[in-house]
Every structure is written in C-alpha cells, then in structure tokens.
C-alpha cells in the first residue's frame, strides 16, 4: 500500500468511525488486499479466506472504536493478527485428544474412577 492509499484509508476509516456509512465501500476496497496479503503470510493456507472475512467483519463492527489520531492500517493489521492468534488457538484445541484416549477406556462393568478413588 503506497502513501496515498494509506492516507485515503486513514480518511475513509475515520469517516466510518464517525458514522459515515458511505465510507464503507472505499474502506473495504482499500483494506482488502493488505489484509489478504498479511494473512497469507501469517496463517495456514486453508484458513486465509475465513480469516480475511472474520477480520473485515471485526474491523467494520469495531470501526467506531478506531482512533483517528492513530494509523488505520496498523489498527486493522492488529485485528488481523488477533484473528490469526485465535485461529491457531482453535486449531490447537481441536488437536487435543479426547479424554478416552488420554485416560484410557473404562473397562466394561468395572468400577468408575470415583468408585476406585473411594476406599
């Protein structure tokens, strides 16, 4: 993103933060490629499209919280980075083994763990 595009993004996101709904389309057009590029470098290939969508939804949902005195692109990429972190956490949690694998299957008709613990 060149300096002119970055300045336009700053203006359009600031306008969106102030409630100007006509700034949605120009903001979207300016931010899509940088977000996709960032996520393409940070996320697993199969996650990129979903993360782009989640990031843009979060950006537009939280646009009113954007501080016009701060860099808009940095704010948006911060949201994208958070989405990557969240996706990695979800992926790691999905890989956890079920409890039956971690603790072994209970023998059929045998005592439950609670019954074994009570003397």
PDB file of N, CA and C in Angstrom:
ATOM      1  N   UNK A   1       0.867  -1.171   0.000  1.00  0.00           N
ATOM      2  CA  UNK A   1       0.000   0.000   0.000  1.00  0.00           C
ATOM      3  C   UNK A   1       0.908   1.226   0.000  1.00  0.00           C
ATOM      4  N   UNK A   2       0.712   2.086  -0.973  1.00  0.00           N
ATOM      5  CA  UNK A   2       1.543   3.292  -1.046  1.00  0.00           C
ATOM      6  C   UNK A   2       1.014   4.375  -0.095  1.00  0.00           C
ATOM      7  N   UNK A   3       1.764   5.454   0.012  1.00  0.00           N
ATOM      8  CA  UNK A   3       1.420   6.521   0.950  1.00  0.00           C
ATOM      9  C   UNK A   3       0.072   7.169   0.669  1.00  0.00           C
ATOM     10  N   UNK A   4      -0.255   7.349  -0.623  1.00  0.00           N
ATOM     11  CA  UNK A   4      -1.534   7.958  -0.983  1.00  0.00           C
ATOM     12  C   UNK A   4      -2.698   7.062  -0.571  1.00  0.00           C
ATOM     13  N   UNK A   5      -2.570   5.757  -0.844  1.00  0.00           N
ATOM     14  CA  UNK A   5      -3.629   4.819  -0.457  1.00  0.00           C
ATOM     15  C   UNK A   5      -3.775   4.751   1.062  1.00  0.00           C
ATOM     16  N   UNK A   6      -2.651   4.806   1.733  1.00  0.00           N
ATOM     17  CA  UNK A   6      -2.689   4.759   3.194  1.00  0.00           C
ATOM     18  C   UNK A   6      -3.396   5.997   3.772  1.00  0.00           C
ATOM     19  N   UNK A   7      -3.141   7.154   3.173  1.00  0.00           N
ATOM     20  CA  UNK A   7      -3.810   8.385   3.609  1.00  0.00           C
ATOM     21  C   UNK A   7      -5.311   8.315   3.319  1.00  0.00           C
ATOM     22  N   UNK A   8      -5.690   7.752   2.154  1.00  0.00           N
ATOM     23  CA  UNK A   8      -7.111   7.594   1.835  1.00  0.00           C
ATOM     24  C   UNK A   8      -7.782   6.618   2.802  1.00  0.00           C
ATOM     25  N   UNK A   9      -7.063   5.549   3.152  1.00  0.00           N
ATOM     26  CA  UNK A   9      -7.603   4.596   4.122  1.00  0.00           C
ATOM     27  C   UNK A   9      -7.828   5.284   5.462  1.00  0.00           C
ATOM     28  N   UNK A  10      -6.872   6.090   5.868  1.00  0.00           N
ATOM     29  CA  UNK A  10      -6.987   6.819   7.138  1.00  0.00           C
ATOM     30  C   UNK A  10      -8.238   7.700   7.133  1.00  0.00           C
ATOM     31  N   UNK A  11      -8.433   8.431   6.030  1.00  0.00           N
ATOM     32  CA  UNK A  11      -9.600   9.319   5.933  1.00  0.00           C
ATOM     33  C   UNK A  11     -10.910   8.533   5.895  1.00  0.00           C
ATOM     34  N   UNK A  12     -10.930   7.453   5.112  1.00  0.00           N
ATOM     35  CA  UNK A  12     -12.194   6.719   4.984  1.00  0.00           C
ATOM     36  C   UNK A  12     -12.543   5.967   6.264  1.00  0.00           C
ATOM     37  N   UNK A  13     -11.555   5.396   6.954  1.00  0.00           N
ATOM     38  CA  UNK A  13     -11.856   4.711   8.208  1.00  0.00           C
ATOM     39  C   UNK A  13     -12.261   5.717   9.283  1.00  0.00           C
ATOM     40  N   UNK A  14     -11.644   6.889   9.269  1.00  0.00           N
ATOM     41  CA  UNK A  14     -12.035   7.943  10.224  1.00  0.00           C
ATOM     42  C   UNK A  14     -13.476   8.378   9.978  1.00  0.00           C
ATOM     43  N   UNK A  15     -13.837   8.512   8.706  1.00  0.00           N
ATOM     44  CA  UNK A  15     -15.215   8.880   8.369  1.00  0.00           C
ATOM     45  C   UNK A  15     -16.183   7.781   8.804  1.00  0.00           C
ATOM     46  N   UNK A  16     -15.797   6.542   8.580  1.00  0.00           N
ATOM     47  CA  UNK A  16     -16.625   5.417   9.002  1.00  0.00           C
ATOM     48  C   UNK A  16     -16.778   5.407  10.523  1.00  0.00           C
ATOM     49  N   UNK A  17     -15.702   5.690  11.235  1.00  0.00           N
ATOM     50  CA  UNK A  17     -15.751   5.743  12.700  1.00  0.00           C
ATOM     51  C   UNK A  17     -16.700   6.821  13.193  1.00  0.00           C
ATOM     52  N   UNK A  18     -16.865   7.887  12.419  1.00  0.00           N
ATOM     53  CA  UNK A  18     -17.772   8.970  12.782  1.00  0.00           C
ATOM     54  C   UNK A  18     -19.208   8.713  12.339  1.00  0.00           C
ATOM     55  N   UNK A  19     -19.437   7.544  11.713  1.00  0.00           N
ATOM     56  CA  UNK A  19     -20.793   7.171  11.334  1.00  0.00           C
ATOM     57  C   UNK A  19     -21.145   7.384   9.880  1.00  0.00           C
ATOM     58  N   UNK A  20     -20.203   7.765   9.048  1.00  0.00           N
ATOM     59  CA  UNK A  20     -20.457   7.983   7.625  1.00  0.00           C
ATOM     60  C   UNK A  20     -20.490   6.641   6.897  1.00  0.00           C
ATOM     61  N   UNK A  21     -21.674   6.122   6.666  1.00  0.00           N
ATOM     62  CA  UNK A  21     -21.826   4.809   6.030  1.00  0.00           C
ATOM     63  C   UNK A  21     -21.347   4.780   4.583  1.00  0.00           C
ATOM     64  N   UNK A  22     -21.268   5.915   3.941  1.00  0.00           N
ATOM     65  CA  UNK A  22     -20.777   5.934   2.556  1.00  0.00           C
ATOM     66  C   UNK A  22     -19.280   5.632   2.491  1.00  0.00           C
ATOM     67  N   UNK A  23     -18.605   5.646   3.628  1.00  0.00           N
ATOM     68  CA  UNK A  23     -17.171   5.346   3.675  1.00  0.00           C
ATOM     69  C   UNK A  23     -16.894   3.843   3.729  1.00  0.00           C
ATOM     70  N   UNK A  24     -17.935   3.041   3.865  1.00  0.00           N
ATOM     71  CA  UNK A  24     -17.748   1.595   3.950  1.00  0.00           C
ATOM     72  C   UNK A  24     -17.073   1.030   2.698  1.00  0.00           C
ATOM     73  N   UNK A  25     -17.646   1.310   1.542  1.00  0.00           N
ATOM     74  CA  UNK A  25     -17.125   0.727   0.295  1.00  0.00           C
ATOM     75  C   UNK A  25     -15.684   1.141  -0.001  1.00  0.00           C
ATOM     76  N   UNK A  26     -15.330   2.434   0.094  1.00  0.00           N
ATOM     77  CA  UNK A  26     -13.931   2.783  -0.155  1.00  0.00           C
ATOM     78  C   UNK A  26     -12.980   2.164   0.872  1.00  0.00           C
ATOM     79  N   UNK A  27     -13.411   2.056   2.112  1.00  0.00           N
ATOM     80  CA  UNK A  27     -12.571   1.436   3.141  1.00  0.00           C
ATOM     81  C   UNK A  27     -12.348  -0.031   2.806  1.00  0.00           C
ATOM     82  N   UNK A  28     -13.411  -0.714   2.442  1.00  0.00           N
ATOM     83  CA  UNK A  28     -13.312  -2.129   2.071  1.00  0.00           C
ATOM     84  C   UNK A  28     -12.363  -2.310   0.890  1.00  0.00           C
ATOM     85  N   UNK A  29     -12.523  -1.494  -0.141  1.00  0.00           N
ATOM     86  CA  UNK A  29     -11.688  -1.610  -1.335  1.00  0.00           C
ATOM     87  C   UNK A  29     -10.207  -1.378  -1.019  1.00  0.00           C
ATOM     88  N   UNK A  30      -9.925  -0.454  -0.113  1.00  0.00           N
ATOM     89  CA  UNK A  30      -8.539  -0.139   0.230  1.00  0.00           C
ATOM     90  C   UNK A  30      -7.904  -1.183   1.147  1.00  0.00           C
ATOM     91  N   UNK A  31      -8.676  -1.804   1.985  1.00  0.00           N
ATOM     92  CA  UNK A  31      -8.110  -2.670   3.015  1.00  0.00           C
ATOM     93  C   UNK A  31      -8.072  -4.147   2.634  1.00  0.00           C
ATOM     94  N   UNK A  32      -8.846  -4.570   1.662  1.00  0.00           N
ATOM     95  CA  UNK A  32      -8.928  -5.989   1.320  1.00  0.00           C
ATOM     96  C   UNK A  32      -7.570  -6.577   0.939  1.00  0.00           C
ATOM     97  N   UNK A  33      -6.863  -5.981   0.027  1.00  0.00           N
ATOM     98  CA  UNK A  33      -5.577  -6.540  -0.430  1.00  0.00           C
ATOM     99  C   UNK A  33      -4.517  -6.583   0.671  1.00  0.00           C
ATOM    100  N   UNK A  34      -4.330  -5.519   1.448  1.00  0.00           N
ATOM    101  CA  UNK A  34      -3.333  -5.612   2.519  1.00  0.00           C
ATOM    102  C   UNK A  34      -3.673  -6.666   3.581  1.00  0.00           C
ATOM    103  N   UNK A  35      -4.949  -6.788   3.908  1.00  0.00           N
ATOM    104  CA  UNK A  35      -5.353  -7.790   4.894  1.00  0.00           C
ATOM    105  C   UNK A  35      -5.111  -9.185   4.340  1.00  0.00           C
ATOM    106  N   UNK A  36      -5.504  -9.419   3.098  1.00  0.00           N
ATOM    107  CA  UNK A  36      -5.297 -10.732   2.473  1.00  0.00           C
ATOM    108  C   UNK A  36      -3.804 -11.053   2.400  1.00  0.00           C
ATOM    109  N   UNK A  37      -2.991 -10.080   2.029  1.00  0.00           N
ATOM    110  CA  UNK A  37      -1.549 -10.301   1.954  1.00  0.00           C
ATOM    111  C   UNK A  37      -0.945 -10.626   3.308  1.00  0.00           C
ATOM    112  N   UNK A  38      -1.328  -9.873   4.327  1.00  0.00           N
ATOM    113  CA  UNK A  38      -0.832 -10.106   5.679  1.00  0.00           C
ATOM    114  C   UNK A  38      -1.219 -11.502   6.162  1.00  0.00           C
ATOM    115  N   UNK A  39      -2.491 -11.837   6.013  1.00  0.00           N
ATOM    116  CA  UNK A  39      -2.967 -13.133   6.481  1.00  0.00           C
ATOM    117  C   UNK A  39      -2.379 -14.274   5.667  1.00  0.00           C
ATOM    118  N   UNK A  40      -2.120 -14.039   4.388  1.00  0.00           N
ATOM    119  CA  UNK A  40      -1.484 -15.060   3.564  1.00  0.00           C
ATOM    120  C   UNK A  40      -0.091 -15.414   4.057  1.00  0.00           C
ATOM    121  N   UNK A  41       0.574 -14.462   4.677  1.00  0.00           N
ATOM    122  CA  UNK A  41       1.918 -14.710   5.220  1.00  0.00           C
ATOM    123  C   UNK A  41       1.877 -15.261   6.640  1.00  0.00           C
ATOM    124  N   UNK A  42       0.805 -15.030   7.366  1.00  0.00           N
ATOM    125  CA  UNK A  42       0.750 -15.380   8.785  1.00  0.00           C
ATOM    126  C   UNK A  42      -0.041 -16.643   9.102  1.00  0.00           C
ATOM    127  N   UNK A  43      -0.994 -16.981   8.265  1.00  0.00           N
ATOM    128  CA  UNK A  43      -1.937 -18.053   8.602  1.00  0.00           C
ATOM    129  C   UNK A  43      -1.716 -19.274   7.713  1.00  0.00           C
ATOM    130  N   UNK A  44      -2.276 -20.389   8.154  1.00  0.00           N
ATOM    131  CA  UNK A  44      -2.264 -21.612   7.354  1.00  0.00           C
ATOM    132  C   UNK A  44      -3.066 -21.350   6.076  1.00  0.00           C
ATOM    133  N   UNK A  45      -2.608 -21.881   4.941  1.00  0.00           N
ATOM    134  CA  UNK A  45      -3.291 -21.601   3.666  1.00  0.00           C
ATOM    135  C   UNK A  45      -4.791 -21.880   3.676  1.00  0.00           C
ATOM    136  N   UNK A  46      -5.212 -22.924   4.347  1.00  0.00           N
ATOM    137  CA  UNK A  46      -6.633 -23.259   4.386  1.00  0.00           C
ATOM    138  C   UNK A  46      -7.468 -22.318   5.233  1.00  0.00           C
ATOM    139  N   UNK A  47      -6.814 -21.483   6.028  1.00  0.00           N
ATOM    140  CA  UNK A  47      -7.527 -20.573   6.926  1.00  0.00           C
ATOM    141  C   UNK A  47      -7.658 -19.158   6.378  1.00  0.00           C
ATOM    142  N   UNK A  48      -6.918 -18.826   5.331  1.00  0.00           N
ATOM    143  CA  UNK A  48      -6.807 -17.430   4.895  1.00  0.00           C
ATOM    144  C   UNK A  48      -8.155 -16.814   4.544  1.00  0.00           C
ATOM    145  N   UNK A  49      -8.945 -17.455   3.716  1.00  0.00           N
ATOM    146  CA  UNK A  49     -10.224 -16.857   3.303  1.00  0.00           C
ATOM    147  C   UNK A  49     -11.146 -16.593   4.494  1.00  0.00           C
ATOM    148  N   UNK A  50     -11.239 -17.568   5.390  1.00  0.00           N
ATOM    149  CA  UNK A  50     -12.087 -17.378   6.570  1.00  0.00           C
ATOM    150  C   UNK A  50     -11.555 -16.261   7.454  1.00  0.00           C
ATOM    151  N   UNK A  51     -10.233 -16.186   7.604  1.00  0.00           N
ATOM    152  CA  UNK A  51      -9.646 -15.143   8.444  1.00  0.00           C
ATOM    153  C   UNK A  51      -9.804 -13.758   7.838  1.00  0.00           C
ATOM    154  N   UNK A  52      -9.735 -13.664   6.517  1.00  0.00           N
ATOM    155  CA  UNK A  52      -9.986 -12.376   5.864  1.00  0.00           C
ATOM    156  C   UNK A  52     -11.404 -11.919   6.196  1.00  0.00           C
ATOM    157  N   UNK A  53     -12.357 -12.825   6.052  1.00  0.00           N
ATOM    158  CA  UNK A  53     -13.744 -12.474   6.343  1.00  0.00           C
ATOM    159  C   UNK A  53     -13.920 -12.106   7.810  1.00  0.00           C
ATOM    160  N   UNK A  54     -13.379 -12.906   8.717  1.00  0.00           N
ATOM    161  CA  UNK A  54     -13.514 -12.613  10.141  1.00  0.00           C
ATOM    162  C   UNK A  54     -12.868 -11.283  10.504  1.00  0.00           C
ATOM    163  N   UNK A  55     -11.719 -11.006   9.900  1.00  0.00           N
ATOM    164  CA  UNK A  55     -11.022  -9.747  10.170  1.00  0.00           C
ATOM    165  C   UNK A  55     -11.844  -8.566   9.700  1.00  0.00           C
ATOM    166  N   UNK A  56     -12.354  -8.628   8.480  1.00  0.00           N
ATOM    167  CA  UNK A  56     -13.118  -7.497   7.943  1.00  0.00           C
ATOM    168  C   UNK A  56     -14.417  -7.286   8.722  1.00  0.00           C
ATOM    169  N   UNK A  57     -15.048  -8.358   9.126  1.00  0.00           N
ATOM    170  CA  UNK A  57     -16.250  -8.217   9.951  1.00  0.00           C
ATOM    171  C   UNK A  57     -15.890  -7.519  11.259  1.00  0.00           C
ATOM    172  N   UNK A  58     -14.784  -7.940  11.882  1.00  0.00           N
ATOM    173  CA  UNK A  58     -14.360  -7.318  13.138  1.00  0.00           C
ATOM    174  C   UNK A  58     -13.997  -5.852  12.940  1.00  0.00           C
ATOM    175  N   UNK A  59     -13.316  -5.544  11.839  1.00  0.00           N
ATOM    176  CA  UNK A  59     -12.936  -4.147  11.557  1.00  0.00           C
ATOM    177  C   UNK A  59     -14.178  -3.278  11.441  1.00  0.00           C
ATOM    178  N   UNK A  60     -15.143  -3.714  10.666  1.00  0.00           N
ATOM    179  CA  UNK A  60     -16.328  -2.882  10.449  1.00  0.00           C
ATOM    180  C   UNK A  60     -17.237  -2.865  11.672  1.00  0.00           C
ATOM    181  N   UNK A  61     -17.257  -3.938  12.440  1.00  0.00           N
ATOM    182  CA  UNK A  61     -18.044  -3.955  13.671  1.00  0.00           C
ATOM    183  C   UNK A  61     -17.456  -2.991  14.698  1.00  0.00           C
ATOM    184  N   UNK A  62     -16.124  -2.878  14.720  1.00  0.00           N
ATOM    185  CA  UNK A  62     -15.458  -2.046  15.719  1.00  0.00           C
ATOM    186  C   UNK A  62     -14.966  -0.719  15.161  1.00  0.00           C
ATOM    187  N   UNK A  63     -15.409  -0.343  13.983  1.00  0.00           N
ATOM    188  CA  UNK A  63     -14.925   0.890  13.344  1.00  0.00           C
ATOM    189  C   UNK A  63     -15.115   2.117  14.223  1.00  0.00           C
ATOM    190  N   UNK A  64     -16.167   2.163  14.975  1.00  0.00           N
ATOM    191  CA  UNK A  64     -16.416   3.336  15.815  1.00  0.00           C
ATOM    192  C   UNK A  64     -15.370   3.474  16.929  1.00  0.00           C
ATOM    193  N   UNK A  65     -14.654   2.393  17.233  1.00  0.00           N
ATOM    194  CA  UNK A  65     -13.620   2.427  18.274  1.00  0.00           C
ATOM    195  C   UNK A  65     -12.262   2.856  17.728  1.00  0.00           C
ATOM    196  N   UNK A  66     -12.167   3.008  16.415  1.00  0.00           N
ATOM    197  CA  UNK A  66     -10.894   3.385  15.796  1.00  0.00           C
ATOM    198  C   UNK A  66     -10.555   4.836  16.159  1.00  0.00           C
ATOM    199  N   UNK A  67      -9.338   5.045  16.626  1.00  0.00           N
ATOM    200  CA  UNK A  67      -8.866   6.383  16.992  1.00  0.00           C
ATOM    201  C   UNK A  67      -8.300   7.052  15.734  1.00  0.00           C
ATOM    202  N   UNK A  68      -8.904   8.116  15.241  1.00  0.00           N
ATOM    203  CA  UNK A  68      -8.442   8.761  14.014  1.00  0.00           C
ATOM    204  C   UNK A  68      -7.022   9.322  14.117  1.00  0.00           C
ATOM    205  N   UNK A  69      -6.516   9.496  15.319  1.00  0.00           N
ATOM    206  CA  UNK A  69      -5.154  10.007  15.500  1.00  0.00           C
ATOM    207  C   UNK A  69      -4.104   8.909  15.330  1.00  0.00           C
ATOM    208  N   UNK A  70      -4.540   7.663  15.292  1.00  0.00           N
ATOM    209  CA  UNK A  70      -3.611   6.540  15.149  1.00  0.00           C
ATOM    210  C   UNK A  70      -3.692   5.976  13.742  1.00  0.00           C
ATOM    211  N   UNK A  71      -2.662   5.257  13.350  1.00  0.00           N
ATOM    212  CA  UNK A  71      -2.575   4.708  12.000  1.00  0.00           C
ATOM    213  C   UNK A  71      -3.652   3.650  11.760  1.00  0.00           C
ATOM    214  N   UNK A  72      -4.501   3.871  10.760  1.00  0.00           N
ATOM    215  CA  UNK A  72      -5.615   2.972  10.474  1.00  0.00           C
ATOM    216  C   UNK A  72      -5.130   1.600  10.022  1.00  0.00           C
ATOM    217  N   UNK A  73      -4.120   1.562   9.160  1.00  0.00           N
ATOM    218  CA  UNK A  73      -3.636   0.270   8.664  1.00  0.00           C
ATOM    219  C   UNK A  73      -3.056  -0.558   9.810  1.00  0.00           C
ATOM    220  N   UNK A  74      -2.314   0.062  10.698  1.00  0.00           N
ATOM    221  CA  UNK A  74      -1.753  -0.660  11.842  1.00  0.00           C
ATOM    222  C   UNK A  74      -2.870  -1.206  12.723  1.00  0.00           C
ATOM    223  N   UNK A  75      -3.921  -0.431  12.921  1.00  0.00           N
ATOM    224  CA  UNK A  75      -5.060  -0.873  13.720  1.00  0.00           C
ATOM    225  C   UNK A  75      -5.719  -2.092  13.075  1.00  0.00           C
ATOM    226  N   UNK A  76      -5.916  -2.028  11.774  1.00  0.00           N
ATOM    227  CA  UNK A  76      -6.558  -3.123  11.047  1.00  0.00           C
ATOM    228  C   UNK A  76      -5.687  -4.370  11.078  1.00  0.00           C
ATOM    229  N   UNK A  77      -4.382  -4.222  10.859  1.00  0.00           N
ATOM    230  CA  UNK A  77      -3.494  -5.389  10.877  1.00  0.00           C
ATOM    231  C   UNK A  77      -3.363  -5.960  12.286  1.00  0.00           C
ATOM    232  N   UNK A  78      -3.539  -5.133  13.298  1.00  0.00           N
ATOM    233  CA  UNK A  78      -3.579  -5.644  14.665  1.00  0.00           C
ATOM    234  C   UNK A  78      -4.775  -6.554  14.880  1.00  0.00           C
ATOM    235  N   UNK A  79      -5.892  -6.178  14.318  1.00  0.00           N
ATOM    236  CA  UNK A  79      -7.094  -7.023  14.391  1.00  0.00           C
ATOM    237  C   UNK A  79      -6.840  -8.321  13.631  1.00  0.00           C
ATOM    238  N   UNK A  80      -6.214  -8.225  12.463  1.00  0.00           N
ATOM    239  CA  UNK A  80      -5.895  -9.421  11.677  1.00  0.00           C
ATOM    240  C   UNK A  80      -4.963 -10.349  12.455  1.00  0.00           C
ATOM    241  N   UNK A  81      -3.971  -9.792  13.118  1.00  0.00           N
ATOM    242  CA  UNK A  81      -3.037 -10.601  13.906  1.00  0.00           C
ATOM    243  C   UNK A  81      -3.776 -11.314  15.038  1.00  0.00           C
ATOM    244  N   UNK A  82      -4.710 -10.627  15.654  1.00  0.00           N
ATOM    245  CA  UNK A  82      -5.505 -11.252  16.709  1.00  0.00           C
ATOM    246  C   UNK A  82      -6.327 -12.410  16.151  1.00  0.00           C
ATOM    247  N   UNK A  83      -6.865 -12.235  14.949  1.00  0.00           N
ATOM    248  CA  UNK A  83      -7.646 -13.310  14.321  1.00  0.00           C
ATOM    249  C   UNK A  83      -6.762 -14.529  14.048  1.00  0.00           C
ATOM    250  N   UNK A  84      -5.518 -14.299  13.628  1.00  0.00           N
ATOM    251  CA  UNK A  84      -4.583 -15.410  13.397  1.00  0.00           C
ATOM    252  C   UNK A  84      -4.327 -16.139  14.711  1.00  0.00           C
ATOM    253  N   UNK A  85      -4.086 -15.388  15.758  1.00  0.00           N
ATOM    254  CA  UNK A  85      -3.832 -15.992  17.073  1.00  0.00           C
ATOM    255  C   UNK A  85      -5.026 -16.825  17.515  1.00  0.00           C
ATOM    256  N   UNK A  86      -6.213 -16.305  17.317  1.00  0.00           N
ATOM    257  CA  UNK A  86      -7.429 -17.022  17.690  1.00  0.00           C
ATOM    258  C   UNK A  86      -7.567 -18.310  16.879  1.00  0.00           C
ATOM    259  N   UNK A  87      -7.279 -18.238  15.579  1.00  0.00           N
ATOM    260  CA  UNK A  87      -7.377 -19.426  14.726  1.00  0.00           C
ATOM    261  C   UNK A  87      -6.364 -20.487  15.144  1.00  0.00           C
ATOM    262  N   UNK A  88      -5.163 -20.068  15.500  1.00  0.00           N
ATOM    263  CA  UNK A  88      -4.145 -21.028  15.959  1.00  0.00           C
ATOM    264  C   UNK A  88      -4.581 -21.697  17.254  1.00  0.00           C
ATOM    265  N   UNK A  89      -5.174 -20.927  18.149  1.00  0.00           N
ATOM    266  CA  UNK A  89      -5.658 -21.497  19.405  1.00  0.00           C
ATOM    267  C   UNK A  89      -6.772 -22.504  19.138  1.00  0.00           C
ATOM    268  N   UNK A  90      -7.707 -22.157  18.259  1.00  0.00           N
ATOM    269  CA  UNK A  90      -8.795 -23.086  17.902  1.00  0.00           C
ATOM    270  C   UNK A  90      -8.229 -24.373  17.314  1.00  0.00           C
ATOM    271  N   UNK A  91      -7.261 -24.241  16.406  1.00  0.00           N
ATOM    272  CA  UNK A  91      -6.663 -25.404  15.750  1.00  0.00           C
ATOM    273  C   UNK A  91      -5.960 -26.287  16.796  1.00  0.00           C
ATOM    274  N   UNK A  92      -5.238 -25.672  17.711  1.00  0.00           N
ATOM    275  CA  UNK A  92      -4.529 -26.425  18.738  1.00  0.00           C
ATOM    276  C   UNK A  92      -5.533 -27.154  19.631  1.00  0.00           C
ATOM    277  N   UNK A  93      -6.616 -26.519  19.980  1.00  0.00           N
ATOM    278  CA  UNK A  93      -7.626 -27.160  20.836  1.00  0.00           C
ATOM    279  C   UNK A  93      -8.304 -28.323  20.134  1.00  0.00           C
ATOM    280  N   UNK A  94      -8.513 -28.201  18.831  1.00  0.00           N
ATOM    281  CA  UNK A  94      -9.127 -29.294  18.077  1.00  0.00           C
ATOM    282  C   UNK A  94      -8.233 -30.516  18.037  1.00  0.00           C
ATOM    283  N   UNK A  95      -6.931 -30.292  18.116  1.00  0.00           N
ATOM    284  CA  UNK A  95      -5.984 -31.409  18.043  1.00  0.00           C
ATOM    285  C   UNK A  95      -5.861 -32.156  19.359  1.00  0.00           C
ATOM    286  N   UNK A  96      -6.389 -31.625  20.433  1.00  0.00           N
ATOM    287  CA  UNK A  96      -6.309 -32.309  21.715  1.00  0.00           C
ATOM    288  C   UNK A  96      -7.034 -33.643  21.627  1.00  0.00           C
ATOM    289  N   UNK A  97      -6.443 -34.640  22.227  1.00  0.00           N
ATOM    290  CA  UNK A  97      -7.038 -35.975  22.195  1.00  0.00           C
ATOM    291  C   UNK A  97      -8.281 -36.002  23.064  1.00  0.00           C
ATOM    292  N   UNK A  98      -9.255 -36.817  22.694  1.00  0.00           N
ATOM    293  CA  UNK A  98     -10.427 -36.976  23.550  1.00  0.00           C
ATOM    294  C   UNK A  98     -10.011 -37.577  24.891  1.00  0.00           C
ATOM    295  N   UNK A  99     -10.804 -37.378  25.891  1.00  0.00           N
ATOM    296  CA  UNK A  99     -10.483 -37.867  27.230  1.00  0.00           C
ATOM    297  C   UNK A  99     -10.276 -39.377  27.244  1.00  0.00           C
ATOM    298  N   UNK A 100     -11.014 -40.118  26.430  1.00  0.00           N
ATOM    299  CA  UNK A 100     -10.879 -41.575  26.425  1.00  0.00           C
ATOM    300  C   UNK A 100      -9.482 -41.991  25.978  1.00  0.00           C
ATOM    301  N   UNK A 101      -8.871 -41.227  25.049  1.00  0.00           N
ATOM    302  CA  UNK A 101      -7.512 -41.530  24.619  1.00  0.00           C
ATOM    303  C   UNK A 101      -6.502 -41.120  25.674  1.00  0.00           C
ATOM    304  N   UNK A 102      -6.756 -40.023  26.348  1.00  0.00           N
ATOM    305  CA  UNK A 102      -5.816 -39.527  27.342  1.00  0.00           C
ATOM    306  C   UNK A 102      -5.805 -40.391  28.596  1.00  0.00           C
ATOM    307  N   UNK A 103      -6.959 -40.909  29.008  1.00  0.00           N
ATOM    308  CA  UNK A 103      -7.056 -41.640  30.264  1.00  0.00           C
ATOM    309  C   UNK A 103      -7.347 -43.120  30.075  1.00  0.00           C
ATOM    310  N   UNK A 104      -7.525 -43.545  28.867  1.00  0.00           N
ATOM    311  CA  UNK A 104      -7.845 -44.952  28.614  1.00  0.00           C
ATOM    312  C   UNK A 104      -9.333 -45.206  28.754  1.00  0.00           C
ATOM    313  N   UNK A 105      -9.780 -46.234  28.091  1.00  0.00           N
ATOM    314  CA  UNK A 105     -11.194 -46.602  28.159  1.00  0.00           C
ATOM    315  C   UNK A 105     -11.481 -47.257  29.509  1.00  0.00           C
ATOM    316  N   UNK A 106     -12.666 -47.033  30.018  1.00  0.00           N
ATOM    317  CA  UNK A 106     -13.075 -47.698  31.248  1.00  0.00           C
ATOM    318  C   UNK A 106     -13.447 -49.136  30.915  1.00  0.00           C
ATOM    319  N   UNK A 107     -13.027 -50.064  31.718  1.00  0.00           N
ATOM    320  CA  UNK A 107     -13.412 -51.448  31.446  1.00  0.00           C
ATOM    321  C   UNK A 107     -14.922 -51.624  31.620  1.00  0.00           C
ATOM    322  N   UNK A 108     -15.503 -52.404  30.761  1.00  0.00           N
ATOM    323  CA  UNK A 108     -16.945 -52.637  30.822  1.00  0.00           C
ATOM    324  C   UNK A 108     -17.297 -53.323  32.125  1.00  0.00           C
ATOM    325  N   UNK A 109     -18.230 -52.768  32.839  1.00  0.00           N
ATOM    326  CA  UNK A 109     -18.691 -53.359  34.078  1.00  0.00           C
ATOM    327  C   UNK A 109     -17.753 -53.132  35.265  1.00  0.00           C
ATOM    328  N   UNK A 110     -16.639 -52.485  35.049  1.00  0.00           N
ATOM    329  CA  UNK A 110     -15.688 -52.230  36.125  1.00  0.00           C
ATOM    330  C   UNK A 110     -16.079 -51.013  36.923  1.00  0.00           C
ATOM    331  N   UNK A 111     -15.344 -50.746  38.010  1.00  0.00           N
ATOM    332  CA  UNK A 111     -15.668 -49.598  38.833  1.00  0.00           C
ATOM    333  C   UNK A 111     -15.351 -48.293  38.103  1.00  0.00           C
ATOM    334  N   UNK A 112     -16.112 -47.288  38.413  1.00  0.00           N
ATOM    335  CA  UNK A 112     -15.871 -45.958  37.831  1.00  0.00           C
ATOM    336  C   UNK A 112     -14.658 -45.334  38.514  1.00  0.00           C
ATOM    337  N   UNK A 113     -14.064 -44.302  37.947  1.00  0.00           N
ATOM    338  CA  UNK A 113     -12.952 -43.646  38.614  1.00  0.00           C
ATOM    339  C   UNK A 113     -13.317 -43.177  40.020  1.00  0.00           C
ATOM    340  N   UNK A 114     -14.544 -42.698  40.184  1.00  0.00           N
ATOM    341  CA  UNK A 114     -14.991 -42.250  41.500  1.00  0.00           C
ATOM    342  C   UNK A 114     -15.039 -43.421  42.488  1.00  0.00           C
ATOM    343  N   UNK A 115     -15.581 -44.541  42.031  1.00  0.00           N
ATOM    344  CA  UNK A 115     -15.655 -45.720  42.898  1.00  0.00           C
ATOM    345  C   UNK A 115     -14.267 -46.241  43.262  1.00  0.00           C
ATOM    346  N   UNK A 116     -13.325 -46.150  42.346  1.00  0.00           N
ATOM    347  CA  UNK A 116     -11.955 -46.586  42.631  1.00  0.00           C
ATOM    348  C   UNK A 116     -11.267 -45.647  43.620  1.00  0.00           C
ATOM    349  N   UNK A 117     -11.635 -44.378  43.625  1.00  0.00           N
ATOM    350  CA  UNK A 117     -10.986 -43.410  44.496  1.00  0.00           C
ATOM    351  C   UNK A 117     -11.495 -43.459  45.917  1.00  0.00           C
ATOM    352  N   UNK A 118     -12.715 -43.963  46.128  1.00  0.00           N
ATOM    353  CA  UNK A 118     -13.312 -44.033  47.466  1.00  0.00           C
ATOM    354  C   UNK A 118     -12.903 -45.359  48.083  1.00  0.00           C
ATOM    355  N   UNK A 119     -12.228 -45.315  49.258  1.00  0.00           N
ATOM    356  CA  UNK A 119     -11.800 -46.581  49.889  1.00  0.00           C
ATOM    357  C   UNK A 119     -12.953 -47.339  50.511  1.00  0.00           C
TER     358      UNK A 119
END
